[in-house]
């Protein structure tokens, strides 16, 4: 779910089957569609940058939720996107 007035959908890799969507939604919401592949080469640099502490990760993550809470968190974000920058989904609740 993306807000009106802009947003970005990024397809990473290839889907096994065709993806159908209503183009009118992308036009009305002014959504960008981007594709990305073979970006694995940048991951080590990004991880090193994040581990260096130079980027204020805590400042951009508005909320951390479990996988079970993700649907509700995204619905909250859709209903009131203003105060939320990023939602991090923790796939390992033991951490």
PDB file of N, CA and C in Angstrom:
ATOM      1  N   UNK A   1       0.843  -1.168   0.000  1.00  0.00           N
ATOM      2  CA  UNK A   1       0.000   0.000   0.000  1.00  0.00           C
ATOM      3  C   UNK A   1       0.891   1.234   0.000  1.00  0.00           C
ATOM      4  N   UNK A   2       0.700   2.082  -0.968  1.00  0.00           N
ATOM      5  CA  UNK A   2       1.457   3.315  -1.048  1.00  0.00           C
ATOM      6  C   UNK A   2       0.512   4.497  -0.933  1.00  0.00           C
ATOM      7  N   UNK A   3       1.030   5.545  -0.387  1.00  0.00           N
ATOM      8  CA  UNK A   3       0.224   6.746  -0.186  1.00  0.00           C
ATOM      9  C   UNK A   3       0.036   7.492  -1.508  1.00  0.00           C
ATOM     10  N   UNK A   4      -0.915   8.389  -1.535  1.00  0.00           N
ATOM     11  CA  UNK A   4      -1.091   9.265  -2.689  1.00  0.00           C
ATOM     12  C   UNK A   4       0.027  10.298  -2.670  1.00  0.00           C
ATOM     13  N   UNK A   5       0.391  10.798  -3.825  1.00  0.00           N
ATOM     14  CA  UNK A   5       1.406  11.842  -3.897  1.00  0.00           C
ATOM     15  C   UNK A   5       2.814  11.299  -4.013  1.00  0.00           C
ATOM     16  N   UNK A   6       2.954  10.058  -4.389  1.00  0.00           N
ATOM     17  CA  UNK A   6       4.287   9.530  -4.636  1.00  0.00           C
ATOM     18  C   UNK A   6       4.610   8.329  -3.792  1.00  0.00           C
ATOM     19  N   UNK A   7       5.406   7.494  -4.341  1.00  0.00           N
ATOM     20  CA  UNK A   7       5.857   6.285  -3.684  1.00  0.00           C
ATOM     21  C   UNK A   7       6.668   5.507  -4.694  1.00  0.00           C
ATOM     22  N   UNK A   8       7.270   4.432  -4.239  1.00  0.00           N
ATOM     23  CA  UNK A   8       8.147   3.671  -5.128  1.00  0.00           C
ATOM     24  C   UNK A   8       7.934   2.189  -4.893  1.00  0.00           C
ATOM     25  N   UNK A   9       7.794   1.449  -5.987  1.00  0.00           N
ATOM     26  CA  UNK A   9       7.733   0.000  -5.953  1.00  0.00           C
ATOM     27  C   UNK A   9       8.977  -0.496  -6.664  1.00  0.00           C
ATOM     28  N   UNK A  10       9.735  -1.361  -5.997  1.00  0.00           N
ATOM     29  CA  UNK A  10      10.959  -1.892  -6.592  1.00  0.00           C
ATOM     30  C   UNK A  10      10.811  -3.398  -6.742  1.00  0.00           C
ATOM     31  N   UNK A  11      10.941  -3.862  -7.957  1.00  0.00           N
ATOM     32  CA  UNK A  11      10.953  -5.288  -8.231  1.00  0.00           C
ATOM     33  C   UNK A  11      12.406  -5.739  -8.187  1.00  0.00           C
ATOM     34  N   UNK A  12      12.702  -6.694  -7.312  1.00  0.00           N
ATOM     35  CA  UNK A  12      14.064  -7.214  -7.201  1.00  0.00           C
ATOM     36  C   UNK A  12      14.038  -8.645  -7.702  1.00  0.00           C
ATOM     37  N   UNK A  13      14.811  -8.902  -8.738  1.00  0.00           N
ATOM     38  CA  UNK A  13      14.830 -10.231  -9.326  1.00  0.00           C
ATOM     39  C   UNK A  13      13.657 -10.415 -10.277  1.00  0.00           C
ATOM     40  N   UNK A  14      13.405 -11.647 -10.612  1.00  0.00           N
ATOM     41  CA  UNK A  14      12.380 -11.969 -11.595  1.00  0.00           C
ATOM     42  C   UNK A  14      11.258 -12.776 -10.953  1.00  0.00           C
ATOM     43  N   UNK A  15      10.035 -12.481 -11.350  1.00  0.00           N
ATOM     44  CA  UNK A  15       8.887 -13.269 -10.890  1.00  0.00           C
ATOM     45  C   UNK A  15       8.765 -14.513 -11.772  1.00  0.00           C
ATOM     46  N   UNK A  16       8.283 -15.584 -11.198  1.00  0.00           N
ATOM     47  CA  UNK A  16       8.099 -16.812 -11.968  1.00  0.00           C
ATOM     48  C   UNK A  16       6.924 -16.697 -12.930  1.00  0.00           C
ATOM     49  N   UNK A  17       5.962 -15.832 -12.573  1.00  0.00           N
ATOM     50  CA  UNK A  17       4.749 -15.686 -13.367  1.00  0.00           C
ATOM     51  C   UNK A  17       4.517 -14.213 -13.669  1.00  0.00           C
ATOM     52  N   UNK A  18       3.736 -13.886 -14.691  1.00  0.00           N
ATOM     53  CA  UNK A  18       3.432 -12.477 -14.978  1.00  0.00           C
ATOM     54  C   UNK A  18       2.767 -11.798 -13.784  1.00  0.00           C
ATOM     55  N   UNK A  19       3.056 -10.519 -13.625  1.00  0.00           N
ATOM     56  CA  UNK A  19       2.476  -9.722 -12.543  1.00  0.00           C
ATOM     57  C   UNK A  19       1.476  -8.766 -13.170  1.00  0.00           C
ATOM     58  N   UNK A  20       0.220  -8.838 -12.721  1.00  0.00           N
ATOM     59  CA  UNK A  20      -0.831  -7.973 -13.245  1.00  0.00           C
ATOM     60  C   UNK A  20      -1.193  -6.910 -12.223  1.00  0.00           C
ATOM     61  N   UNK A  21      -1.416  -5.700 -12.685  1.00  0.00           N
ATOM     62  CA  UNK A  21      -1.891  -4.633 -11.813  1.00  0.00           C
ATOM     63  C   UNK A  21      -2.589  -3.587 -12.656  1.00  0.00           C
ATOM     64  N   UNK A  22      -3.410  -2.785 -11.986  1.00  0.00           N
ATOM     65  CA  UNK A  22      -4.143  -1.722 -12.655  1.00  0.00           C
ATOM     66  C   UNK A  22      -3.224  -0.508 -12.817  1.00  0.00           C
ATOM     67  N   UNK A  23      -2.928  -0.132 -14.023  1.00  0.00           N
ATOM     68  CA  UNK A  23      -2.042   1.017 -14.246  1.00  0.00           C
ATOM     69  C   UNK A  23      -2.631   2.307 -13.713  1.00  0.00           C
ATOM     70  N   UNK A  24      -3.950   2.388 -13.627  1.00  0.00           N
ATOM     71  CA  UNK A  24      -4.576   3.615 -13.123  1.00  0.00           C
ATOM     72  C   UNK A  24      -4.154   3.906 -11.687  1.00  0.00           C
ATOM     73  N   UNK A  25      -3.904   2.867 -10.893  1.00  0.00           N
ATOM     74  CA  UNK A  25      -3.451   3.067  -9.512  1.00  0.00           C
ATOM     75  C   UNK A  25      -2.095   3.764  -9.504  1.00  0.00           C
ATOM     76  N   UNK A  26      -1.193   3.343 -10.372  1.00  0.00           N
ATOM     77  CA  UNK A  26       0.138   3.951 -10.419  1.00  0.00           C
ATOM     78  C   UNK A  26       0.067   5.405 -10.889  1.00  0.00           C
ATOM     79  N   UNK A  27      -0.836   5.675 -11.811  1.00  0.00           N
ATOM     80  CA  UNK A  27      -0.975   7.049 -12.300  1.00  0.00           C
ATOM     81  C   UNK A  27      -1.593   7.945 -11.231  1.00  0.00           C
ATOM     82  N   UNK A  28      -2.700   7.490 -10.628  1.00  0.00           N
ATOM     83  CA  UNK A  28      -3.370   8.304  -9.606  1.00  0.00           C
ATOM     84  C   UNK A  28      -2.488   8.572  -8.393  1.00  0.00           C
ATOM     85  N   UNK A  29      -1.722   7.578  -7.969  1.00  0.00           N
ATOM     86  CA  UNK A  29      -0.889   7.742  -6.785  1.00  0.00           C
ATOM     87  C   UNK A  29       0.513   8.264  -7.108  1.00  0.00           C
ATOM     88  N   UNK A  30       0.795   8.471  -8.399  1.00  0.00           N
ATOM     89  CA  UNK A  30       2.101   8.983  -8.844  1.00  0.00           C
ATOM     90  C   UNK A  30       3.240   8.094  -8.343  1.00  0.00           C
ATOM     91  N   UNK A  31       3.088   6.797  -8.588  1.00  0.00           N
ATOM     92  CA  UNK A  31       4.032   5.799  -8.102  1.00  0.00           C
ATOM     93  C   UNK A  31       5.108   5.539  -9.147  1.00  0.00           C
ATOM     94  N   UNK A  32       6.345   5.399  -8.688  1.00  0.00           N
ATOM     95  CA  UNK A  32       7.461   5.008  -9.541  1.00  0.00           C
ATOM     96  C   UNK A  32       7.590   3.497  -9.503  1.00  0.00           C
ATOM     97  N   UNK A  33       7.892   2.903 -10.644  1.00  0.00           N
ATOM     98  CA  UNK A  33       8.162   1.471 -10.707  1.00  0.00           C
ATOM     99  C   UNK A  33       9.613   1.315 -11.143  1.00  0.00           C
ATOM    100  N   UNK A  34      10.393   0.604 -10.331  1.00  0.00           N
ATOM    101  CA  UNK A  34      11.803   0.391 -10.638  1.00  0.00           C
ATOM    102  C   UNK A  34      12.100  -1.098 -10.640  1.00  0.00           C
ATOM    103  N   UNK A  35      13.109  -1.477 -11.377  1.00  0.00           N
ATOM    104  CA  UNK A  35      13.571  -2.857 -11.374  1.00  0.00           C
ATOM    105  C   UNK A  35      15.023  -2.907 -10.953  1.00  0.00           C
ATOM    106  N   UNK A  36      15.405  -3.995 -10.306  1.00  0.00           N
ATOM    107  CA  UNK A  36      16.776  -4.144  -9.859  1.00  0.00           C
ATOM    108  C   UNK A  36      17.193  -5.599 -10.019  1.00  0.00           C
ATOM    109  N   UNK A  37      18.396  -5.812 -10.499  1.00  0.00           N
ATOM    110  CA  UNK A  37      18.934  -7.171 -10.590  1.00  0.00           C
ATOM    111  C   UNK A  37      20.446  -7.099 -10.438  1.00  0.00           C
ATOM    112  N   UNK A  38      21.017  -8.192 -10.090  1.00  0.00           N
ATOM    113  CA  UNK A  38      22.471  -8.287  -9.943  1.00  0.00           C
ATOM    114  C   UNK A  38      23.044  -7.210  -9.038  1.00  0.00           C
ATOM    115  N   UNK A  39      22.328  -6.862  -7.987  1.00  0.00           N
ATOM    116  CA  UNK A  39      22.815  -5.839  -7.070  1.00  0.00           C
ATOM    117  C   UNK A  39      23.595  -6.452  -5.915  1.00  0.00           C
ATOM    118  N   UNK A  40      23.831  -7.745  -5.959  1.00  0.00           N
ATOM    119  CA  UNK A  40      24.521  -8.405  -4.855  1.00  0.00           C
ATOM    120  C   UNK A  40      25.914  -7.832  -4.621  1.00  0.00           C
ATOM    121  N   UNK A  41      26.530  -7.280  -5.636  1.00  0.00           N
ATOM    122  CA  UNK A  41      27.865  -6.713  -5.487  1.00  0.00           C
ATOM    123  C   UNK A  41      27.906  -5.531  -4.541  1.00  0.00           C
ATOM    124  N   UNK A  42      26.786  -4.801  -4.407  1.00  0.00           N
ATOM    125  CA  UNK A  42      26.743  -3.639  -3.523  1.00  0.00           C
ATOM    126  C   UNK A  42      26.453  -4.008  -2.075  1.00  0.00           C
ATOM    127  N   UNK A  43      25.888  -5.175  -1.831  1.00  0.00           N
ATOM    128  CA  UNK A  43      25.496  -5.542  -0.470  1.00  0.00           C
ATOM    129  C   UNK A  43      26.650  -5.487   0.526  1.00  0.00           C
ATOM    130  N   UNK A  44      27.835  -6.028   0.218  1.00  0.00           N
ATOM    131  CA  UNK A  44      28.921  -5.937   1.201  1.00  0.00           C
ATOM    132  C   UNK A  44      29.276  -4.495   1.568  1.00  0.00           C
ATOM    133  N   UNK A  45      29.258  -3.583   0.597  1.00  0.00           N
ATOM    134  CA  UNK A  45      29.547  -2.175   0.885  1.00  0.00           C
ATOM    135  C   UNK A  45      28.465  -1.555   1.761  1.00  0.00           C
ATOM    136  N   UNK A  46      27.213  -1.865   1.463  1.00  0.00           N
ATOM    137  CA  UNK A  46      26.100  -1.329   2.254  1.00  0.00           C
ATOM    138  C   UNK A  46      26.165  -1.863   3.672  1.00  0.00           C
ATOM    139  N   UNK A  47      26.406  -3.158   3.812  1.00  0.00           N
ATOM    140  CA  UNK A  47      26.493  -3.761   5.150  1.00  0.00           C
ATOM    141  C   UNK A  47      27.642  -3.147   5.933  1.00  0.00           C
ATOM    142  N   UNK A  48      28.795  -2.978   5.285  1.00  0.00           N
ATOM    143  CA  UNK A  48      29.947  -2.369   5.970  1.00  0.00           C
ATOM    144  C   UNK A  48      29.629  -0.944   6.397  1.00  0.00           C
ATOM    145  N   UNK A  49      28.942  -0.201   5.550  1.00  0.00           N
ATOM    146  CA  UNK A  49      28.576   1.175   5.892  1.00  0.00           C
ATOM    147  C   UNK A  49      27.643   1.206   7.097  1.00  0.00           C
ATOM    148  N   UNK A  50      26.653   0.327   7.107  1.00  0.00           N
ATOM    149  CA  UNK A  50      25.730   0.268   8.238  1.00  0.00           C
ATOM    150  C   UNK A  50      26.457  -0.164   9.515  1.00  0.00           C
ATOM    151  N   UNK A  51      27.347  -1.143   9.404  1.00  0.00           N
ATOM    152  CA  UNK A  51      28.092  -1.609  10.570  1.00  0.00           C
ATOM    153  C   UNK A  51      29.060  -0.559  11.099  1.00  0.00           C
ATOM    154  N   UNK A  52      29.487   0.368  10.244  1.00  0.00           N
ATOM    155  CA  UNK A  52      30.437   1.405  10.668  1.00  0.00           C
ATOM    156  C   UNK A  52      29.817   2.402  11.634  1.00  0.00           C
ATOM    157  N   UNK A  53      28.488   2.454  11.658  1.00  0.00           N
ATOM    158  CA  UNK A  53      27.812   3.397  12.537  1.00  0.00           C
ATOM    159  C   UNK A  53      27.685   4.795  11.958  1.00  0.00           C
ATOM    160  N   UNK A  54      28.103   4.998  10.719  1.00  0.00           N
ATOM    161  CA  UNK A  54      28.033   6.321  10.082  1.00  0.00           C
ATOM    162  C   UNK A  54      26.609   6.725   9.710  1.00  0.00           C
ATOM    163  N   UNK A  55      25.747   5.745   9.511  1.00  0.00           N
ATOM    164  CA  UNK A  55      24.367   6.029   9.139  1.00  0.00           C
ATOM    165  C   UNK A  55      23.482   5.864  10.371  1.00  0.00           C
ATOM    166  N   UNK A  56      22.627   6.840  10.655  1.00  0.00           N
ATOM    167  CA  UNK A  56      21.789   6.778  11.867  1.00  0.00           C
ATOM    168  C   UNK A  56      20.580   5.855  11.703  1.00  0.00           C
ATOM    169  N   UNK A  57      20.818   4.559  11.709  1.00  0.00           N
ATOM    170  CA  UNK A  57      19.758   3.574  11.478  1.00  0.00           C
ATOM    171  C   UNK A  57      18.589   3.783  12.428  1.00  0.00           C
ATOM    172  N   UNK A  58      18.881   3.974  13.694  1.00  0.00           N
ATOM    173  CA  UNK A  58      17.815   4.116  14.693  1.00  0.00           C
ATOM    174  C   UNK A  58      16.932   5.329  14.410  1.00  0.00           C
ATOM    175  N   UNK A  59      17.490   6.347  13.767  1.00  0.00           N
ATOM    176  CA  UNK A  59      16.724   7.560  13.481  1.00  0.00           C
ATOM    177  C   UNK A  59      15.713   7.370  12.352  1.00  0.00           C
ATOM    178  N   UNK A  60      15.951   6.400  11.472  1.00  0.00           N
ATOM    179  CA  UNK A  60      15.045   6.229  10.332  1.00  0.00           C
ATOM    180  C   UNK A  60      14.050   5.088  10.528  1.00  0.00           C
ATOM    181  N   UNK A  61      14.291   4.221  11.499  1.00  0.00           N
ATOM    182  CA  UNK A  61      13.340   3.140  11.771  1.00  0.00           C
ATOM    183  C   UNK A  61      12.335   3.645  12.797  1.00  0.00           C
ATOM    184  N   UNK A  62      11.102   3.809  12.351  1.00  0.00           N
ATOM    185  CA  UNK A  62      10.044   4.326  13.219  1.00  0.00           C
ATOM    186  C   UNK A  62       9.456   3.257  14.118  1.00  0.00           C
ATOM    187  N   UNK A  63       9.504   2.015  13.643  1.00  0.00           N
ATOM    188  CA  UNK A  63       8.816   0.953  14.374  1.00  0.00           C
ATOM    189  C   UNK A  63       9.431  -0.389  14.001  1.00  0.00           C
ATOM    190  N   UNK A  64       9.610  -1.264  14.964  1.00  0.00           N
ATOM    191  CA  UNK A  64      10.079  -2.626  14.725  1.00  0.00           C
ATOM    192  C   UNK A  64       8.969  -3.580  15.158  1.00  0.00           C
ATOM    193  N   UNK A  65       8.621  -4.504  14.262  1.00  0.00           N
ATOM    194  CA  UNK A  65       7.518  -5.427  14.533  1.00  0.00           C
ATOM    195  C   UNK A  65       7.939  -6.852  14.176  1.00  0.00           C
ATOM    196  N   UNK A  66       7.221  -7.816  14.732  1.00  0.00           N
ATOM    197  CA  UNK A  66       7.422  -9.209  14.352  1.00  0.00           C
ATOM    198  C   UNK A  66       6.700  -9.464  13.029  1.00  0.00           C
ATOM    199  N   UNK A  67       6.976 -10.604  12.433  1.00  0.00           N
ATOM    200  CA  UNK A  67       6.291 -10.960  11.191  1.00  0.00           C
ATOM    201  C   UNK A  67       4.785 -11.029  11.403  1.00  0.00           C
ATOM    202  N   UNK A  68       4.358 -11.522  12.561  1.00  0.00           N
ATOM    203  CA  UNK A  68       2.921 -11.611  12.858  1.00  0.00           C
ATOM    204  C   UNK A  68       2.267 -10.232  12.952  1.00  0.00           C
ATOM    205  N   UNK A  69       3.030  -9.222  13.314  1.00  0.00           N
ATOM    206  CA  UNK A  69       2.497  -7.861  13.468  1.00  0.00           C
ATOM    207  C   UNK A  69       2.622  -7.027  12.195  1.00  0.00           C
ATOM    208  N   UNK A  70       3.304  -7.560  11.181  1.00  0.00           N
ATOM    209  CA  UNK A  70       3.613  -6.771   9.983  1.00  0.00           C
ATOM    210  C   UNK A  70       2.366  -6.279   9.257  1.00  0.00           C
ATOM    211  N   UNK A  71       1.375  -7.126   9.088  1.00  0.00           N
ATOM    212  CA  UNK A  71       0.167  -6.713   8.358  1.00  0.00           C
ATOM    213  C   UNK A  71      -0.509  -5.534   9.055  1.00  0.00           C
ATOM    214  N   UNK A  72      -0.647  -5.620  10.355  1.00  0.00           N
ATOM    215  CA  UNK A  72      -1.273  -4.539  11.115  1.00  0.00           C
ATOM    216  C   UNK A  72      -0.431  -3.264  11.054  1.00  0.00           C
ATOM    217  N   UNK A  73       0.887  -3.414  11.151  1.00  0.00           N
ATOM    218  CA  UNK A  73       1.774  -2.247  11.095  1.00  0.00           C
ATOM    219  C   UNK A  73       1.679  -1.553   9.745  1.00  0.00           C
ATOM    220  N   UNK A  74       1.615  -2.320   8.667  1.00  0.00           N
ATOM    221  CA  UNK A  74       1.491  -1.721   7.338  1.00  0.00           C
ATOM    222  C   UNK A  74       0.136  -1.051   7.158  1.00  0.00           C
ATOM    223  N   UNK A  75      -0.902  -1.620   7.734  1.00  0.00           N
ATOM    224  CA  UNK A  75      -2.234  -0.985   7.679  1.00  0.00           C
ATOM    225  C   UNK A  75      -2.210   0.334   8.447  1.00  0.00           C
ATOM    226  N   UNK A  76      -1.564   0.358   9.624  1.00  0.00           N
ATOM    227  CA  UNK A  76      -1.422   1.604  10.388  1.00  0.00           C
ATOM    228  C   UNK A  76      -0.673   2.649   9.583  1.00  0.00           C
ATOM    229  N   UNK A  77       0.397   2.204   8.918  1.00  0.00           N
ATOM    230  CA  UNK A  77       1.220   3.105   8.102  1.00  0.00           C
ATOM    231  C   UNK A  77       0.388   3.679   6.960  1.00  0.00           C
ATOM    232  N   UNK A  78      -0.421   2.830   6.329  1.00  0.00           N
ATOM    233  CA  UNK A  78      -1.258   3.293   5.223  1.00  0.00           C
ATOM    234  C   UNK A  78      -2.280   4.323   5.696  1.00  0.00           C
ATOM    235  N   UNK A  79      -2.841   4.086   6.873  1.00  0.00           N
ATOM    236  CA  UNK A  79      -3.861   4.993   7.404  1.00  0.00           C
ATOM    237  C   UNK A  79      -3.271   6.310   7.896  1.00  0.00           C
ATOM    238  N   UNK A  80      -2.033   6.292   8.361  1.00  0.00           N
ATOM    239  CA  UNK A  80      -1.418   7.495   8.931  1.00  0.00           C
ATOM    240  C   UNK A  80       0.083   7.490   8.633  1.00  0.00           C
ATOM    241  N   UNK A  81       0.467   7.749   7.369  1.00  0.00           N
ATOM    242  CA  UNK A  81       1.874   7.611   6.985  1.00  0.00           C
ATOM    243  C   UNK A  81       2.795   8.711   7.497  1.00  0.00           C
ATOM    244  N   UNK A  82       2.260   9.833   7.896  1.00  0.00           N
ATOM    245  CA  UNK A  82       3.094  10.975   8.270  1.00  0.00           C
ATOM    246  C   UNK A  82       4.197  10.702   9.257  1.00  0.00           C
ATOM    247  N   UNK A  83       3.887  10.105  10.424  1.00  0.00           N
ATOM    248  CA  UNK A  83       4.927   9.940  11.437  1.00  0.00           C
ATOM    249  C   UNK A  83       5.841   8.732  11.218  1.00  0.00           C
ATOM    250  N   UNK A  84       5.587   7.936  10.193  1.00  0.00           N
ATOM    251  CA  UNK A  84       6.356   6.703   9.999  1.00  0.00           C
ATOM    252  C   UNK A  84       7.325   6.864   8.830  1.00  0.00           C
ATOM    253  N   UNK A  85       8.602   6.592   9.106  1.00  0.00           N
ATOM    254  CA  UNK A  85       9.617   6.625   8.059  1.00  0.00           C
ATOM    255  C   UNK A  85       9.862   5.228   7.517  1.00  0.00           C
ATOM    256  N   UNK A  86      10.225   4.310   8.401  1.00  0.00           N
ATOM    257  CA  UNK A  86      10.484   2.917   8.018  1.00  0.00           C
ATOM    258  C   UNK A  86       9.937   1.991   9.096  1.00  0.00           C
ATOM    259  N   UNK A  87       9.433   0.858   8.645  1.00  0.00           N
ATOM    260  CA  UNK A  87       9.017  -0.203   9.553  1.00  0.00           C
ATOM    261  C   UNK A  87       9.963  -1.372   9.310  1.00  0.00           C
ATOM    262  N   UNK A  88      10.616  -1.828  10.373  1.00  0.00           N
ATOM    263  CA  UNK A  88      11.513  -2.971  10.255  1.00  0.00           C
ATOM    264  C   UNK A  88      10.766  -4.204  10.752  1.00  0.00           C
ATOM    265  N   UNK A  89      10.756  -5.239   9.915  1.00  0.00           N
ATOM    266  CA  UNK A  89      10.126  -6.496  10.294  1.00  0.00           C
ATOM    267  C   UNK A  89      11.217  -7.445  10.772  1.00  0.00           C
ATOM    268  N   UNK A  90      11.119  -7.857  12.039  1.00  0.00           N
ATOM    269  CA  UNK A  90      12.086  -8.768  12.645  1.00  0.00           C
ATOM    270  C   UNK A  90      11.623 -10.194  12.391  1.00  0.00           C
ATOM    271  N   UNK A  91      12.372 -10.914  11.564  1.00  0.00           N
ATOM    272  CA  UNK A  91      12.018 -12.288  11.224  1.00  0.00           C
ATOM    273  C   UNK A  91      12.538 -13.287  12.252  1.00  0.00           C
ATOM    274  N   UNK A  92      13.310 -12.811  13.208  1.00  0.00           N
ATOM    275  CA  UNK A  92      13.856 -13.672  14.250  1.00  0.00           C
ATOM    276  C   UNK A  92      13.494 -13.103  15.603  1.00  0.00           C
ATOM    277  N   UNK A  93      12.306 -13.395  16.106  1.00  0.00           N
ATOM    278  CA  UNK A  93      11.836 -12.769  17.344  1.00  0.00           C
ATOM    279  C   UNK A  93      12.669 -13.113  18.572  1.00  0.00           C
ATOM    280  N   UNK A  94      13.559 -14.097  18.505  1.00  0.00           N
ATOM    281  CA  UNK A  94      14.402 -14.432  19.648  1.00  0.00           C
ATOM    282  C   UNK A  94      15.489 -13.379  19.855  1.00  0.00           C
ATOM    283  N   UNK A  95      15.698 -12.519  18.887  1.00  0.00           N
ATOM    284  CA  UNK A  95      16.737 -11.478  19.021  1.00  0.00           C
ATOM    285  C   UNK A  95      16.163 -10.217  19.567  1.00  0.00           C
TER     286      UNK A  95
END
